[in-house]
Amino acid sequence: MKPVLIYLLSVNALGFLLMLIDKYKARKKLWRIPEATLMWVAALGGSLGALLGMYTVRHKTKHPKFTIGVPALLALQIILGLLTYRFLYF
């Protein structure tokens, strides 16, 4: 259980940080982090961190791909996590 927790904390921190970094780069008109990278990090378990990052710095909040996609990924990950927990520990 501990490696899973470490992974989830790490990938969510990464998702949060990538949103902050991309917002900074957008303001400074620098090279941006590709949207595909942001979505992949969210899909690999960092959806909560990405969602918190989005709304903390108001980044990508007008893009349906993110405002619908990231919460949908989070919901799917919660459901899969609960199902996995149920089948492994009950």
N, C-alpha and C. Protein backbone atom coordinates (compact mmCIF):
# COMPACT_ATOMS: atom_id res chain seq x y z
N MET A 1 0.82 -1.20 0.00
CA MET A 1 0.00 0.00 0.00
C MET A 1 0.86 1.26 0.00
N LYS A 2 1.99 1.22 0.70
CA LYS A 2 2.84 2.40 0.80
C LYS A 2 3.40 2.85 -0.56
N PRO A 3 3.88 1.94 -1.43
CA PRO A 3 4.36 2.40 -2.74
C PRO A 3 3.27 3.07 -3.57
N VAL A 4 2.05 2.59 -3.46
CA VAL A 4 0.93 3.19 -4.19
C VAL A 4 0.68 4.60 -3.68
N LEU A 5 0.72 4.78 -2.38
CA LEU A 5 0.51 6.11 -1.80
C LEU A 5 1.63 7.07 -2.21
N ILE A 6 2.86 6.60 -2.19
CA ILE A 6 3.99 7.44 -2.62
C ILE A 6 3.83 7.83 -4.09
N TYR A 7 3.43 6.86 -4.93
CA TYR A 7 3.22 7.14 -6.35
C TYR A 7 2.13 8.20 -6.54
N LEU A 8 1.00 8.02 -5.86
CA LEU A 8 -0.12 8.95 -6.03
C LEU A 8 0.23 10.35 -5.54
N LEU A 9 0.93 10.44 -4.42
CA LEU A 9 1.36 11.75 -3.94
C LEU A 9 2.31 12.41 -4.93
N SER A 10 3.23 11.63 -5.47
CA SER A 10 4.21 12.17 -6.41
C SER A 10 3.56 12.63 -7.71
N VAL A 11 2.71 11.81 -8.29
CA VAL A 11 2.11 12.16 -9.58
C VAL A 11 1.13 13.32 -9.43
N ASN A 12 0.47 13.42 -8.29
CA ASN A 12 -0.43 14.56 -8.07
C ASN A 12 0.34 15.84 -7.82
N ALA A 13 1.46 15.74 -7.13
CA ALA A 13 2.33 16.91 -6.96
C ALA A 13 2.85 17.36 -8.32
N LEU A 14 3.22 16.41 -9.16
CA LEU A 14 3.69 16.73 -10.51
C LEU A 14 2.58 17.42 -11.31
N GLY A 15 1.36 16.89 -11.26
CA GLY A 15 0.24 17.50 -11.97
C GLY A 15 -0.01 18.93 -11.52
N PHE A 16 0.05 19.15 -10.21
CA PHE A 16 -0.15 20.48 -9.66
C PHE A 16 0.96 21.43 -10.13
N LEU A 17 2.21 20.98 -10.01
CA LEU A 17 3.35 21.81 -10.40
C LEU A 17 3.35 22.12 -11.89
N LEU A 18 2.98 21.16 -12.73
CA LEU A 18 2.95 21.41 -14.17
C LEU A 18 1.93 22.49 -14.53
N MET A 19 0.80 22.48 -13.84
CA MET A 19 -0.20 23.55 -14.09
C MET A 19 0.36 24.91 -13.69
N LEU A 20 1.03 24.97 -12.55
CA LEU A 20 1.61 26.23 -12.10
C LEU A 20 2.69 26.71 -13.06
N ILE A 21 3.55 25.80 -13.47
CA ILE A 21 4.65 26.16 -14.38
C ILE A 21 4.10 26.61 -15.73
N ASP A 22 3.09 25.90 -16.25
CA ASP A 22 2.53 26.27 -17.54
C ASP A 22 1.84 27.62 -17.47
N LYS A 23 1.18 27.92 -16.37
CA LYS A 23 0.55 29.23 -16.21
C LYS A 23 1.62 30.33 -16.19
N TYR A 24 2.71 30.09 -15.49
CA TYR A 24 3.81 31.06 -15.44
C TYR A 24 4.36 31.30 -16.85
N LYS A 25 4.57 30.19 -17.59
CA LYS A 25 5.11 30.31 -18.94
C LYS A 25 4.14 31.03 -19.86
N ALA A 26 2.86 30.81 -19.67
CA ALA A 26 1.85 31.50 -20.49
C ALA A 26 1.90 33.00 -20.24
N ARG A 27 2.03 33.40 -18.99
CA ARG A 27 2.09 34.83 -18.67
C ARG A 27 3.34 35.49 -19.25
N LYS A 28 4.45 34.75 -19.25
CA LYS A 28 5.73 35.30 -19.72
C LYS A 28 5.94 35.09 -21.22
N LYS A 29 4.95 34.46 -21.89
CA LYS A 29 5.02 34.16 -23.32
C LYS A 29 6.25 33.31 -23.66
N LEU A 30 6.48 32.29 -22.84
CA LEU A 30 7.58 31.35 -23.04
C LEU A 30 7.05 30.07 -23.65
N TRP A 31 7.97 29.16 -23.96
CA TRP A 31 7.60 27.85 -24.47
C TRP A 31 6.71 27.16 -23.45
N ARG A 32 5.60 26.57 -23.93
CA ARG A 32 4.58 26.00 -23.05
C ARG A 32 4.71 24.49 -22.93
N ILE A 33 4.14 23.97 -21.87
CA ILE A 33 4.04 22.53 -21.69
C ILE A 33 2.88 22.06 -22.58
N PRO A 34 3.10 21.05 -23.42
CA PRO A 34 2.01 20.59 -24.30
C PRO A 34 0.78 20.13 -23.51
N GLU A 35 -0.39 20.42 -24.06
CA GLU A 35 -1.63 19.99 -23.41
C GLU A 35 -1.67 18.47 -23.25
N ALA A 36 -1.12 17.76 -24.21
CA ALA A 36 -1.09 16.29 -24.12
C ALA A 36 -0.31 15.83 -22.89
N THR A 37 0.76 16.52 -22.57
CA THR A 37 1.55 16.17 -21.38
C THR A 37 0.73 16.40 -20.12
N LEU A 38 0.04 17.52 -20.06
CA LEU A 38 -0.79 17.81 -18.89
C LEU A 38 -1.88 16.75 -18.72
N MET A 39 -2.49 16.36 -19.82
CA MET A 39 -3.55 15.34 -19.75
C MET A 39 -2.99 13.97 -19.40
N TRP A 40 -1.81 13.63 -19.92
CA TRP A 40 -1.21 12.33 -19.60
C TRP A 40 -0.89 12.22 -18.12
N VAL A 41 -0.36 13.28 -17.55
CA VAL A 41 -0.06 13.25 -16.11
C VAL A 41 -1.35 13.06 -15.32
N ALA A 42 -2.41 13.76 -15.73
CA ALA A 42 -3.71 13.59 -15.08
C ALA A 42 -4.22 12.16 -15.24
N ALA A 43 -4.07 11.60 -16.43
CA ALA A 43 -4.55 10.25 -16.71
C ALA A 43 -3.76 9.18 -15.95
N LEU A 44 -2.51 9.47 -15.67
CA LEU A 44 -1.67 8.50 -14.96
C LEU A 44 -1.84 8.57 -13.44
N GLY A 45 -2.86 9.29 -12.98
CA GLY A 45 -3.15 9.33 -11.56
C GLY A 45 -3.02 10.70 -10.94
N GLY A 46 -2.63 11.70 -11.72
CA GLY A 46 -2.43 13.03 -11.18
C GLY A 46 -3.59 13.97 -11.39
N SER A 47 -4.78 13.43 -11.56
CA SER A 47 -5.94 14.27 -11.88
C SER A 47 -6.33 15.20 -10.73
N LEU A 48 -6.21 14.75 -9.49
CA LEU A 48 -6.55 15.63 -8.37
C LEU A 48 -5.58 16.81 -8.29
N GLY A 49 -4.30 16.53 -8.44
CA GLY A 49 -3.30 17.60 -8.42
C GLY A 49 -3.49 18.56 -9.58
N ALA A 50 -3.78 18.02 -10.76
CA ALA A 50 -4.00 18.87 -11.93
C ALA A 50 -5.24 19.75 -11.73
N LEU A 51 -6.29 19.16 -11.18
CA LEU A 51 -7.53 19.91 -10.94
C LEU A 51 -7.30 21.02 -9.91
N LEU A 52 -6.60 20.70 -8.84
CA LEU A 52 -6.29 21.72 -7.84
C LEU A 52 -5.41 22.82 -8.43
N GLY A 53 -4.45 22.43 -9.25
CA GLY A 53 -3.59 23.41 -9.92
C GLY A 53 -4.36 24.29 -10.87
N MET A 54 -5.29 23.69 -11.62
CA MET A 54 -6.10 24.46 -12.56
C MET A 54 -6.84 25.58 -11.86
N TYR A 55 -7.48 25.26 -10.76
CA TYR A 55 -8.32 26.25 -10.10
C TYR A 55 -7.56 27.13 -9.12
N THR A 56 -6.38 26.70 -8.70
CA THR A 56 -5.56 27.55 -7.83
C THR A 56 -5.05 28.76 -8.59
N VAL A 57 -4.57 28.53 -9.83
CA VAL A 57 -4.02 29.63 -10.62
C VAL A 57 -4.90 30.00 -11.81
N ARG A 58 -6.11 29.46 -11.85
CA ARG A 58 -7.06 29.73 -12.95
C ARG A 58 -6.43 29.47 -14.31
N HIS A 59 -5.95 28.26 -14.49
CA HIS A 59 -5.29 27.90 -15.73
C HIS A 59 -6.05 26.78 -16.42
N LYS A 60 -6.31 26.96 -17.71
CA LYS A 60 -7.04 25.99 -18.54
C LYS A 60 -8.49 25.82 -18.09
N THR A 61 -9.03 26.80 -17.39
CA THR A 61 -10.39 26.68 -16.89
C THR A 61 -11.46 27.05 -17.92
N LYS A 62 -11.04 27.47 -19.10
CA LYS A 62 -12.00 27.77 -20.17
C LYS A 62 -11.92 26.74 -21.30
N HIS A 63 -11.13 25.71 -21.08
CA HIS A 63 -10.96 24.66 -22.08
C HIS A 63 -11.77 23.43 -21.67
N PRO A 64 -12.81 23.07 -22.45
CA PRO A 64 -13.62 21.90 -22.09
C PRO A 64 -12.80 20.62 -21.93
N LYS A 65 -11.72 20.49 -22.70
CA LYS A 65 -10.87 19.32 -22.58
C LYS A 65 -10.39 19.16 -21.13
N PHE A 66 -10.16 20.27 -20.46
CA PHE A 66 -9.67 20.24 -19.09
C PHE A 66 -10.79 20.35 -18.06
N THR A 67 -11.77 21.24 -18.29
CA THR A 67 -12.83 21.41 -17.30
C THR A 67 -13.76 20.22 -17.22
N ILE A 68 -13.85 19.44 -18.29
CA ILE A 68 -14.65 18.22 -18.28
C ILE A 68 -13.75 17.00 -18.14
N GLY A 69 -12.64 17.00 -18.88
CA GLY A 69 -11.76 15.83 -18.93
C GLY A 69 -11.07 15.51 -17.63
N VAL A 70 -10.52 16.50 -16.95
CA VAL A 70 -9.79 16.23 -15.71
C VAL A 70 -10.74 15.76 -14.60
N PRO A 71 -11.89 16.42 -14.37
CA PRO A 71 -12.80 15.87 -13.36
C PRO A 71 -13.33 14.47 -13.72
N ALA A 72 -13.53 14.22 -15.02
CA ALA A 72 -13.97 12.89 -15.44
C ALA A 72 -12.89 11.85 -15.14
N LEU A 73 -11.64 12.20 -15.40
CA LEU A 73 -10.54 11.30 -15.05
C LEU A 73 -10.47 11.05 -13.55
N LEU A 74 -10.66 12.10 -12.77
CA LEU A 74 -10.64 11.96 -11.32
C LEU A 74 -11.76 11.03 -10.85
N ALA A 75 -12.96 11.21 -11.38
CA ALA A 75 -14.08 10.35 -11.01
C ALA A 75 -13.79 8.90 -11.39
N LEU A 76 -13.26 8.69 -12.57
CA LEU A 76 -12.92 7.34 -13.02
C LEU A 76 -11.84 6.72 -12.13
N GLN A 77 -10.85 7.50 -11.76
CA GLN A 77 -9.77 7.00 -10.91
C GLN A 77 -10.29 6.66 -9.51
N ILE A 78 -11.20 7.45 -8.99
CA ILE A 78 -11.78 7.16 -7.68
C ILE A 78 -12.57 5.86 -7.74
N ILE A 79 -13.38 5.70 -8.78
CA ILE A 79 -14.17 4.47 -8.93
C ILE A 79 -13.26 3.26 -9.07
N LEU A 80 -12.25 3.36 -9.91
CA LEU A 80 -11.32 2.23 -10.08
C LEU A 80 -10.56 1.94 -8.79
N GLY A 81 -10.19 2.97 -8.06
CA GLY A 81 -9.50 2.78 -6.78
C GLY A 81 -10.38 2.07 -5.77
N LEU A 82 -11.65 2.50 -5.68
CA LEU A 82 -12.58 1.86 -4.75
C LEU A 82 -12.84 0.41 -5.13
N LEU A 83 -13.01 0.14 -6.42
CA LEU A 83 -13.23 -1.23 -6.86
C LEU A 83 -12.01 -2.10 -6.59
N THR A 84 -10.84 -1.58 -6.85
CA THR A 84 -9.61 -2.32 -6.59
C THR A 84 -9.47 -2.61 -5.11
N TYR A 85 -9.71 -1.61 -4.28
CA TYR A 85 -9.62 -1.79 -2.83
C TYR A 85 -10.62 -2.84 -2.37
N ARG A 86 -11.84 -2.76 -2.90
CA ARG A 86 -12.89 -3.70 -2.50
C ARG A 86 -12.52 -5.14 -2.84
N PHE A 87 -12.01 -5.35 -4.04
CA PHE A 87 -11.68 -6.71 -4.45
C PHE A 87 -10.39 -7.23 -3.83
N LEU A 88 -9.49 -6.36 -3.45
CA LEU A 88 -8.24 -6.81 -2.85
C LEU A 88 -8.34 -7.04 -1.35
N TYR A 89 -9.18 -6.27 -0.68
CA TYR A 89 -9.20 -6.30 0.79
C TYR A 89 -10.49 -6.80 1.39
N PHE A 90 -11.45 -7.25 0.59
CA PHE A 90 -12.68 -7.82 1.15
C PHE A 90 -12.91 -9.20 0.62
